[in-house]
Amino acid sequence: MNCRDVQALNGNYLDGELPEELCDRMRRHLLGCPACREEMNSLRMTLEVLRETHAQPSLSESFAGSALETLARELRLPAREAETPGQLVLGIRE
């Protein structure tokens, strides 16, 4: 694995989206490459600050319900009762 490979996968690595074998290869590269290690640490700190200072957006139940009703109406789907609150149920037949 070279520096270009590591730089391309930094975000995926920090988000835990890579298979373990690829993570191992990245860790080995980072151990031997101070430049990539510094870039990774900088990106990690940036992500931590962003996560701490920016709340995740959330949908209100009324908005979600309204959006689902509109979608069902526009798609002309028959109404069905959700088994779980907040569950999206579309009457799509195979």
PDB file of N, CA and C in Angstrom:
ATOM      1  N   MET A   1       0.855  -1.170   0.000  1.00  0.00           N
ATOM      2  CA  MET A   1       0.000   0.000   0.000  1.00  0.00           C
ATOM      3  C   MET A   1       0.897   1.227   0.000  1.00  0.00           C
ATOM      4  N   ASN A   2       0.559   2.202  -0.848  1.00  0.00           N
ATOM      5  CA  ASN A   2       1.366   3.415  -0.917  1.00  0.00           C
ATOM      6  C   ASN A   2       0.585   4.611  -0.358  1.00  0.00           C
ATOM      7  N   CYS A   3       1.237   5.761  -0.335  1.00  0.00           N
ATOM      8  CA  CYS A   3       0.631   6.967   0.245  1.00  0.00           C
ATOM      9  C   CYS A   3      -0.664   7.346  -0.463  1.00  0.00           C
ATOM     10  N   ARG A   4      -0.689   7.237  -1.767  1.00  0.00           N
ATOM     11  CA  ARG A   4      -1.892   7.587  -2.526  1.00  0.00           C
ATOM     12  C   ARG A   4      -3.068   6.689  -2.130  1.00  0.00           C
ATOM     13  N   ASP A   5      -2.813   5.412  -1.959  1.00  0.00           N
ATOM     14  CA  ASP A   5      -3.867   4.478  -1.526  1.00  0.00           C
ATOM     15  C   ASP A   5      -4.409   4.875  -0.162  1.00  0.00           C
ATOM     16  N   VAL A   6      -3.512   5.167   0.766  1.00  0.00           N
ATOM     17  CA  VAL A   6      -3.918   5.533   2.124  1.00  0.00           C
ATOM     18  C   VAL A   6      -4.739   6.816   2.098  1.00  0.00           C
ATOM     19  N   GLN A   7      -4.287   7.797   1.361  1.00  0.00           N
ATOM     20  CA  GLN A   7      -5.014   9.069   1.288  1.00  0.00           C
ATOM     21  C   GLN A   7      -6.410   8.878   0.711  1.00  0.00           C
ATOM     22  N   ALA A   8      -6.546   8.001  -0.251  1.00  0.00           N
ATOM     23  CA  ALA A   8      -7.855   7.763  -0.866  1.00  0.00           C
ATOM     24  C   ALA A   8      -8.814   7.066   0.092  1.00  0.00           C
ATOM     25  N   LEU A   9      -8.276   6.318   1.052  1.00  0.00           N
ATOM     26  CA  LEU A   9      -9.122   5.522   1.944  1.00  0.00           C
ATOM     27  C   LEU A   9      -9.223   6.075   3.365  1.00  0.00           C
ATOM     28  N   ASN A  10      -8.587   7.216   3.634  1.00  0.00           N
ATOM     29  CA  ASN A  10      -8.583   7.777   4.989  1.00  0.00           C
ATOM     30  C   ASN A  10      -9.980   7.879   5.596  1.00  0.00           C
ATOM     31  N   GLY A  11     -10.908   8.478   4.883  1.00  0.00           N
ATOM     32  CA  GLY A  11     -12.257   8.680   5.394  1.00  0.00           C
ATOM     33  C   GLY A  11     -12.962   7.367   5.677  1.00  0.00           C
ATOM     34  N   ASN A  12     -12.847   6.424   4.755  1.00  0.00           N
ATOM     35  CA  ASN A  12     -13.456   5.107   4.954  1.00  0.00           C
ATOM     36  C   ASN A  12     -12.843   4.385   6.146  1.00  0.00           C
ATOM     37  N   TYR A  13     -11.539   4.539   6.309  1.00  0.00           N
ATOM     38  CA  TYR A  13     -10.843   3.915   7.432  1.00  0.00           C
ATOM     39  C   TYR A  13     -11.372   4.470   8.762  1.00  0.00           C
ATOM     40  N   LEU A  14     -11.446   5.797   8.858  1.00  0.00           N
ATOM     41  CA  LEU A  14     -11.898   6.413  10.099  1.00  0.00           C
ATOM     42  C   LEU A  14     -13.366   6.133  10.390  1.00  0.00           C
ATOM     43  N   ASP A  15     -14.157   5.914   9.361  1.00  0.00           N
ATOM     44  CA  ASP A  15     -15.575   5.595   9.555  1.00  0.00           C
ATOM     45  C   ASP A  15     -15.808   4.112   9.810  1.00  0.00           C
ATOM     46  N   GLY A  16     -14.739   3.316   9.801  1.00  0.00           N
ATOM     47  CA  GLY A  16     -14.866   1.881  10.061  1.00  0.00           C
ATOM     48  C   GLY A  16     -15.542   1.121   8.938  1.00  0.00           C
ATOM     49  N   GLU A  17     -15.349   1.578   7.704  1.00  0.00           N
ATOM     50  CA  GLU A  17     -16.035   0.984   6.565  1.00  0.00           C
ATOM     51  C   GLU A  17     -15.172   0.022   5.755  1.00  0.00           C
ATOM     52  N   LEU A  18     -13.954  -0.212   6.204  1.00  0.00           N
ATOM     53  CA  LEU A  18     -13.047  -1.063   5.428  1.00  0.00           C
ATOM     54  C   LEU A  18     -12.952  -2.454   6.022  1.00  0.00           C
ATOM     55  N   PRO A  19     -12.721  -3.465   5.181  1.00  0.00           N
ATOM     56  CA  PRO A  19     -12.501  -4.816   5.703  1.00  0.00           C
ATOM     57  C   PRO A  19     -11.220  -4.848   6.550  1.00  0.00           C
ATOM     58  N   GLU A  20     -11.172  -5.775   7.474  1.00  0.00           N
ATOM     59  CA  GLU A  20     -10.052  -5.851   8.424  1.00  0.00           C
ATOM     60  C   GLU A  20      -8.701  -5.986   7.732  1.00  0.00           C
ATOM     61  N   GLU A  21      -8.635  -6.768   6.650  1.00  0.00           N
ATOM     62  CA  GLU A  21      -7.363  -6.939   5.943  1.00  0.00           C
ATOM     63  C   GLU A  21      -6.841  -5.598   5.425  1.00  0.00           C
ATOM     64  N   LEU A  22      -7.726  -4.786   4.873  1.00  0.00           N
ATOM     65  CA  LEU A  22      -7.326  -3.479   4.360  1.00  0.00           C
ATOM     66  C   LEU A  22      -6.923  -2.547   5.503  1.00  0.00           C
ATOM     67  N   CYS A  23      -7.626  -2.627   6.622  1.00  0.00           N
ATOM     68  CA  CYS A  23      -7.255  -1.831   7.800  1.00  0.00           C
ATOM     69  C   CYS A  23      -5.854  -2.197   8.266  1.00  0.00           C
ATOM     70  N   ASP A  24      -5.547  -3.485   8.277  1.00  0.00           N
ATOM     71  CA  ASP A  24      -4.210  -3.930   8.680  1.00  0.00           C
ATOM     72  C   ASP A  24      -3.141  -3.363   7.758  1.00  0.00           C
ATOM     73  N   ARG A  25      -3.405  -3.397   6.466  1.00  0.00           N
ATOM     74  CA  ARG A  25      -2.439  -2.855   5.507  1.00  0.00           C
ATOM     75  C   ARG A  25      -2.251  -1.357   5.709  1.00  0.00           C
ATOM     76  N   MET A  26      -3.346  -0.655   5.997  1.00  0.00           N
ATOM     77  CA  MET A  26      -3.232   0.791   6.246  1.00  0.00           C
ATOM     78  C   MET A  26      -2.436   1.055   7.516  1.00  0.00           C
ATOM     79  N   ARG A  27      -2.714   0.287   8.583  1.00  0.00           N
ATOM     80  CA  ARG A  27      -1.982   0.477   9.839  1.00  0.00           C
ATOM     81  C   ARG A  27      -0.487   0.240   9.651  1.00  0.00           C
ATOM     82  N   ARG A  28      -0.136  -0.776   8.882  1.00  0.00           N
ATOM     83  CA  ARG A  28       1.282  -1.037   8.620  1.00  0.00           C
ATOM     84  C   ARG A  28       1.908   0.140   7.881  1.00  0.00           C
ATOM     85  N   HIS A  29       1.203   0.683   6.903  1.00  0.00           N
ATOM     86  CA  HIS A  29       1.739   1.829   6.177  1.00  0.00           C
ATOM     87  C   HIS A  29       1.887   3.026   7.110  1.00  0.00           C
ATOM     88  N   LEU A  30       0.872   3.271   7.930  1.00  0.00           N
ATOM     89  CA  LEU A  30       0.909   4.425   8.836  1.00  0.00           C
ATOM     90  C   LEU A  30       2.056   4.312   9.846  1.00  0.00           C
ATOM     91  N   LEU A  31       2.391   3.101  10.266  1.00  0.00           N
ATOM     92  CA  LEU A  31       3.510   2.919  11.192  1.00  0.00           C
ATOM     93  C   LEU A  31       4.832   3.371  10.577  1.00  0.00           C
ATOM     94  N   GLY A  32       4.961   3.176   9.276  1.00  0.00           N
ATOM     95  CA  GLY A  32       6.222   3.504   8.622  1.00  0.00           C
ATOM     96  C   GLY A  32       6.240   4.812   7.864  1.00  0.00           C
ATOM     97  N   CYS A  33       5.133   5.551   7.837  1.00  0.00           N
ATOM     98  CA  CYS A  33       5.069   6.776   7.035  1.00  0.00           C
ATOM     99  C   CYS A  33       4.579   7.949   7.896  1.00  0.00           C
ATOM    100  N   PRO A  34       5.505   8.763   8.380  1.00  0.00           N
ATOM    101  CA  PRO A  34       5.127   9.888   9.240  1.00  0.00           C
ATOM    102  C   PRO A  34       4.179  10.881   8.553  1.00  0.00           C
ATOM    103  N   ALA A  35       4.344  11.105   7.259  1.00  0.00           N
ATOM    104  CA  ALA A  35       3.491  12.071   6.552  1.00  0.00           C
ATOM    105  C   ALA A  35       2.033  11.593   6.527  1.00  0.00           C
ATOM    106  N   CYS A  36       1.817  10.338   6.199  1.00  0.00           N
ATOM    107  CA  CYS A  36       0.454   9.798   6.167  1.00  0.00           C
ATOM    108  C   CYS A  36      -0.129   9.726   7.572  1.00  0.00           C
ATOM    109  N   ARG A  37       0.731   9.369   8.541  1.00  0.00           N
ATOM    110  CA  ARG A  37       0.262   9.291   9.926  1.00  0.00           C
ATOM    111  C   ARG A  37      -0.188  10.671  10.406  1.00  0.00           C
ATOM    112  N   GLU A  38       0.566  11.700  10.074  1.00  0.00           N
ATOM    113  CA  GLU A  38       0.187  13.062  10.468  1.00  0.00           C
ATOM    114  C   GLU A  38      -1.114  13.487   9.788  1.00  0.00           C
ATOM    115  N   GLU A  39      -1.251  13.168   8.518  1.00  0.00           N
ATOM    116  CA  GLU A  39      -2.485  13.508   7.812  1.00  0.00           C
ATOM    117  C   GLU A  39      -3.684  12.770   8.417  1.00  0.00           C
ATOM    118  N   MET A  40      -3.496  11.498   8.755  1.00  0.00           N
ATOM    119  CA  MET A  40      -4.575  10.720   9.369  1.00  0.00           C
ATOM    120  C   MET A  40      -4.955  11.306  10.723  1.00  0.00           C
ATOM    121  N   ASN A  41      -3.969  11.657  11.529  1.00  0.00           N
ATOM    122  CA  ASN A  41      -4.258  12.252  12.831  1.00  0.00           C
ATOM    123  C   ASN A  41      -4.986  13.579  12.696  1.00  0.00           C
ATOM    124  N   SER A  42      -4.591  14.371  11.730  1.00  0.00           N
ATOM    125  CA  SER A  42      -5.252  15.650  11.487  1.00  0.00           C
ATOM    126  C   SER A  42      -6.711  15.446  11.077  1.00  0.00           C
ATOM    127  N   LEU A  43      -6.937  14.497  10.186  1.00  0.00           N
ATOM    128  CA  LEU A  43      -8.299  14.194   9.750  1.00  0.00           C
ATOM    129  C   LEU A  43      -9.125  13.650  10.908  1.00  0.00           C
ATOM    130  N   ARG A  44      -8.535  12.797  11.732  1.00  0.00           N
ATOM    131  CA  ARG A  44      -9.232  12.235  12.894  1.00  0.00           C
ATOM    132  C   ARG A  44      -9.652  13.352  13.854  1.00  0.00           C
ATOM    133  N   MET A  45      -8.747  14.285  14.128  1.00  0.00           N
ATOM    134  CA  MET A  45      -9.075  15.389  15.032  1.00  0.00           C
ATOM    135  C   MET A  45     -10.165  16.277  14.441  1.00  0.00           C
ATOM    136  N   THR A  46     -10.101  16.518  13.147  1.00  0.00           N
ATOM    137  CA  THR A  46     -11.118  17.327  12.481  1.00  0.00           C
ATOM    138  C   THR A  46     -12.487  16.673  12.596  1.00  0.00           C
ATOM    139  N   LEU A  47     -12.547  15.380  12.347  1.00  0.00           N
ATOM    140  CA  LEU A  47     -13.815  14.654  12.456  1.00  0.00           C
ATOM    141  C   LEU A  47     -14.358  14.686  13.882  1.00  0.00           C
ATOM    142  N   GLU A  48     -13.483  14.542  14.871  1.00  0.00           N
ATOM    143  CA  GLU A  48     -13.920  14.591  16.263  1.00  0.00           C
ATOM    144  C   GLU A  48     -14.523  15.946  16.610  1.00  0.00           C
ATOM    145  N   VAL A  49     -13.882  17.009  16.164  1.00  0.00           N
ATOM    146  CA  VAL A  49     -14.397  18.356  16.429  1.00  0.00           C
ATOM    147  C   VAL A  49     -15.745  18.547  15.742  1.00  0.00           C
ATOM    148  N   LEU A  50     -15.856  18.118  14.502  1.00  0.00           N
ATOM    149  CA  LEU A  50     -17.123  18.253  13.785  1.00  0.00           C
ATOM    150  C   LEU A  50     -18.238  17.468  14.452  1.00  0.00           C
ATOM    151  N   ARG A  51     -17.942  16.260  14.894  1.00  0.00           N
ATOM    152  CA  ARG A  51     -18.960  15.439  15.549  1.00  0.00           C
ATOM    153  C   ARG A  51     -19.394  16.038  16.880  1.00  0.00           C
ATOM    154  N   GLU A  52     -18.465  16.640  17.599  1.00  0.00           N
ATOM    155  CA  GLU A  52     -18.793  17.234  18.892  1.00  0.00           C
ATOM    156  C   GLU A  52     -19.562  18.540  18.758  1.00  0.00           C
ATOM    157  N   THR A  53     -19.336  19.273  17.692  1.00  0.00           N
ATOM    158  CA  THR A  53     -19.933  20.606  17.577  1.00  0.00           C
ATOM    159  C   THR A  53     -21.152  20.666  16.667  1.00  0.00           C
ATOM    160  N   HIS A  54     -21.441  19.625  15.951  1.00  0.00           N
ATOM    161  CA  HIS A  54     -22.585  19.635  15.044  1.00  0.00           C
ATOM    162  C   HIS A  54     -23.516  18.476  15.368  1.00  0.00           C
ATOM    163  N   ALA A  55     -24.716  18.829  15.769  1.00  0.00           N
ATOM    164  CA  ALA A  55     -25.715  17.805  16.104  1.00  0.00           C
ATOM    165  C   ALA A  55     -26.208  17.134  14.833  1.00  0.00           C
ATOM    166  N   GLN A  56     -26.515  15.867  14.956  1.00  0.00           N
ATOM    167  CA  GLN A  56     -27.095  15.137  13.835  1.00  0.00           C
ATOM    168  C   GLN A  56     -28.518  15.636  13.604  1.00  0.00           C
ATOM    169  N   PRO A  57     -28.873  15.910  12.370  1.00  0.00           N
ATOM    170  CA  PRO A  57     -30.251  16.332  12.107  1.00  0.00           C
ATOM    171  C   PRO A  57     -31.213  15.180  12.380  1.00  0.00           C
ATOM    172  N   SER A  58     -32.379  15.527  12.862  1.00  0.00           N
ATOM    173  CA  SER A  58     -33.375  14.497  13.105  1.00  0.00           C
ATOM    174  C   SER A  58     -34.713  14.954  12.550  1.00  0.00           C
ATOM    175  N   LEU A  59     -35.523  14.004  12.173  1.00  0.00           N
ATOM    176  CA  LEU A  59     -36.846  14.297  11.635  1.00  0.00           C
ATOM    177  C   LEU A  59     -37.877  14.194  12.741  1.00  0.00           C
ATOM    178  N   SER A  60     -38.794  15.149  12.744  1.00  0.00           N
ATOM    179  CA  SER A  60     -39.887  15.039  13.703  1.00  0.00           C
ATOM    180  C   SER A  60     -40.849  13.962  13.221  1.00  0.00           C
ATOM    181  N   GLU A  61     -41.589  13.371  14.154  1.00  0.00           N
ATOM    182  CA  GLU A  61     -42.543  12.324  13.776  1.00  0.00           C
ATOM    183  C   GLU A  61     -43.616  12.874  12.852  1.00  0.00           C
ATOM    184  N   SER A  62     -44.032  14.132  13.097  1.00  0.00           N
ATOM    185  CA  SER A  62     -45.083  14.696  12.245  1.00  0.00           C
ATOM    186  C   SER A  62     -44.586  14.898  10.811  1.00  0.00           C
ATOM    187  N   PHE A  63     -43.327  15.341  10.659  1.00  0.00           N
ATOM    188  CA  PHE A  63     -42.781  15.509   9.314  1.00  0.00           C
ATOM    189  C   PHE A  63     -42.658  14.166   8.617  1.00  0.00           C
ATOM    190  N   ALA A  64     -42.110  13.169   9.313  1.00  0.00           N
ATOM    191  CA  ALA A  64     -41.941  11.844   8.709  1.00  0.00           C
ATOM    192  C   ALA A  64     -43.290  11.259   8.313  1.00  0.00           C
ATOM    193  N   GLY A  65     -44.286  11.389   9.193  1.00  0.00           N
ATOM    194  CA  GLY A  65     -45.619  10.868   8.881  1.00  0.00           C
ATOM    195  C   GLY A  65     -46.219  11.552   7.681  1.00  0.00           C
ATOM    196  N   SER A  66     -46.083  12.872   7.630  1.00  0.00           N
ATOM    197  CA  SER A  66     -46.611  13.638   6.503  1.00  0.00           C
ATOM    198  C   SER A  66     -45.921  13.253   5.196  1.00  0.00           C
ATOM    199  N   ALA A  67     -44.596  13.108   5.255  1.00  0.00           N
ATOM    200  CA  ALA A  67     -43.842  12.730   4.056  1.00  0.00           C
ATOM    201  C   ALA A  67     -44.247  11.346   3.568  1.00  0.00           C
ATOM    202  N   LEU A  68     -44.433  10.412   4.490  1.00  0.00           N
ATOM    203  CA  LEU A  68     -44.829   9.056   4.102  1.00  0.00           C
ATOM    204  C   LEU A  68     -46.240   9.043   3.520  1.00  0.00           C
ATOM    205  N   GLU A  69     -47.144   9.825   4.094  1.00  0.00           N
ATOM    206  CA  GLU A  69     -48.503   9.904   3.553  1.00  0.00           C
ATOM    207  C   GLU A  69     -48.486  10.477   2.140  1.00  0.00           C
ATOM    208  N   THR A  70     -47.696  11.532   1.936  1.00  0.00           N
ATOM    209  CA  THR A  70     -47.590  12.140   0.608  1.00  0.00           C
ATOM    210  C   THR A  70     -47.014  11.159  -0.391  1.00  0.00           C
ATOM    211  N   LEU A  71     -45.973  10.451   0.008  1.00  0.00           N
ATOM    212  CA  LEU A  71     -45.353   9.462  -0.880  1.00  0.00           C
ATOM    213  C   LEU A  71     -46.352   8.370  -1.246  1.00  0.00           C
ATOM    214  N   ALA A  72     -47.051   7.842  -0.256  1.00  0.00           N
ATOM    215  CA  ALA A  72     -48.033   6.784  -0.515  1.00  0.00           C
ATOM    216  C   ALA A  72     -49.136   7.284  -1.441  1.00  0.00           C
ATOM    217  N   ARG A  73     -49.587   8.517  -1.225  1.00  0.00           N
ATOM    218  CA  ARG A  73     -50.648   9.083  -2.065  1.00  0.00           C
ATOM    219  C   ARG A  73     -50.144   9.258  -3.499  1.00  0.00           C
ATOM    220  N   GLU A  74     -48.933   9.797  -3.665  1.00  0.00           N
ATOM    221  CA  GLU A  74     -48.397  10.022  -5.005  1.00  0.00           C
ATOM    222  C   GLU A  74     -48.128   8.714  -5.746  1.00  0.00           C
ATOM    223  N   LEU A  75     -47.770   7.694  -5.011  1.00  0.00           N
ATOM    224  CA  LEU A  75     -47.521   6.393  -5.635  1.00  0.00           C
ATOM    225  C   LEU A  75     -48.780   5.542  -5.729  1.00  0.00           C
ATOM    226  N   ARG A  76     -49.884   6.086  -5.212  1.00  0.00           N
ATOM    227  CA  ARG A  76     -51.180   5.401  -5.208  1.00  0.00           C
ATOM    228  C   ARG A  76     -51.078   4.013  -4.569  1.00  0.00           C
ATOM    229  N   LEU A  77     -50.495   3.986  -3.385  1.00  0.00           N
ATOM    230  CA  LEU A  77     -50.325   2.728  -2.662  1.00  0.00           C
ATOM    231  C   LEU A  77     -51.449   2.553  -1.652  1.00  0.00           C
ATOM    232  N   PRO A  78     -51.913   1.325  -1.464  1.00  0.00           N
ATOM    233  CA  PRO A  78     -52.954   1.102  -0.458  1.00  0.00           C
ATOM    234  C   PRO A  78     -52.385   1.316   0.941  1.00  0.00           C
ATOM    235  N   ALA A  79     -53.208   1.836   1.838  1.00  0.00           N
ATOM    236  CA  ALA A  79     -52.763   2.083   3.211  1.00  0.00           C
ATOM    237  C   ALA A  79     -52.585   0.772   3.940  1.00  0.00           C
ATOM    238  N   ARG A  80     -51.521   0.672   4.700  1.00  0.00           N
ATOM    239  CA  ARG A  80     -51.253  -0.494   5.542  1.00  0.00           C
ATOM    240  C   ARG A  80     -50.783  -0.003   6.890  1.00  0.00           C
ATOM    241  N   GLU A  81     -51.088  -0.752   7.913  1.00  0.00           N
ATOM    242  CA  GLU A  81     -50.690  -0.392   9.262  1.00  0.00           C
ATOM    243  C   GLU A  81     -49.249  -0.845   9.509  1.00  0.00           C
ATOM    244  N   ALA A  82     -48.434   0.039  10.077  1.00  0.00           N
ATOM    245  CA  ALA A  82     -47.054  -0.318  10.401  1.00  0.00           C
ATOM    246  C   ALA A  82     -47.032  -1.233  11.613  1.00  0.00           C
ATOM    247  N   GLU A  83     -46.119  -2.204  11.595  1.00  0.00           N
ATOM    248  CA  GLU A  83     -45.972  -3.109  12.725  1.00  0.00           C
ATOM    249  C   GLU A  83     -45.178  -2.462  13.851  1.00  0.00           C
ATOM    250  N   THR A  84     -44.305  -1.547  13.492  1.00  0.00           N
ATOM    251  CA  THR A  84     -43.451  -0.862  14.449  1.00  0.00           C
ATOM    252  C   THR A  84     -43.605   0.638  14.226  1.00  0.00           C
ATOM    253  N   PRO A  85     -43.706   1.439  15.292  1.00  0.00           N
ATOM    254  CA  PRO A  85     -43.806   2.888  15.101  1.00  0.00           C
ATOM    255  C   PRO A  85     -42.636   3.406  14.275  1.00  0.00           C
ATOM    256  N   GLY A  86     -42.942   4.248  13.305  1.00  0.00           N
ATOM    257  CA  GLY A  86     -41.915   4.824  12.447  1.00  0.00           C
ATOM    258  C   GLY A  86     -41.495   3.936  11.296  1.00  0.00           C
ATOM    259  N   GLN A  87     -42.075   2.750  11.197  1.00  0.00           N
ATOM    260  CA  GLN A  87     -41.721   1.826  10.123  1.00  0.00           C
ATOM    261  C   GLN A  87     -42.367   2.286   8.837  1.00  0.00           C
ATOM    262  N   LEU A  88     -41.611   2.275   7.777  1.00  0.00           N
ATOM    263  CA  LEU A  88     -42.120   2.619   6.472  1.00  0.00           C
ATOM    264  C   LEU A  88     -42.749   1.380   5.861  1.00  0.00           C
ATOM    265  N   VAL A  89     -44.029   1.466   5.548  1.00  0.00           N
ATOM    266  CA  VAL A  89     -44.728   0.348   4.930  1.00  0.00           C
ATOM    267  C   VAL A  89     -45.332   0.837   3.634  1.00  0.00           C
ATOM    268  N   LEU A  90     -44.840   0.322   2.541  1.00  0.00           N
ATOM    269  CA  LEU A  90     -45.384   0.643   1.229  1.00  0.00           C
ATOM    270  C   LEU A  90     -46.007  -0.609   0.664  1.00  0.00           C
ATOM    271  N   GLY A  91     -47.198  -0.493   0.153  1.00  0.00           N
ATOM    272  CA  GLY A  91     -47.900  -1.653  -0.384  1.00  0.00           C
ATOM    273  C   GLY A  91     -47.442  -2.005  -1.773  1.00  0.00           C
ATOM    274  N   ILE A  92     -46.199  -2.287  -1.928  1.00  0.00           N
ATOM    275  CA  ILE A  92     -45.656  -2.626  -3.235  1.00  0.00           C
ATOM    276  C   ILE A  92     -45.706  -4.132  -3.404  1.00  0.00           C
ATOM    277  N   ARG A  93     -46.296  -4.548  -4.474  1.00  0.00           N
ATOM    278  CA  ARG A  93     -46.429  -5.975  -4.748  1.00  0.00           C
ATOM    279  C   ARG A  93     -45.332  -6.409  -5.697  1.00  0.00           C
ATOM    280  N   GLU A  94     -44.884  -7.634  -5.520  1.00  0.00           N
ATOM    281  CA  GLU A  94     -43.846  -8.160  -6.413  1.00  0.00           C
ATOM    282  C   GLU A  94     -44.452  -8.722  -7.654  1.00  0.00           C
TER     283      GLU A  94
END
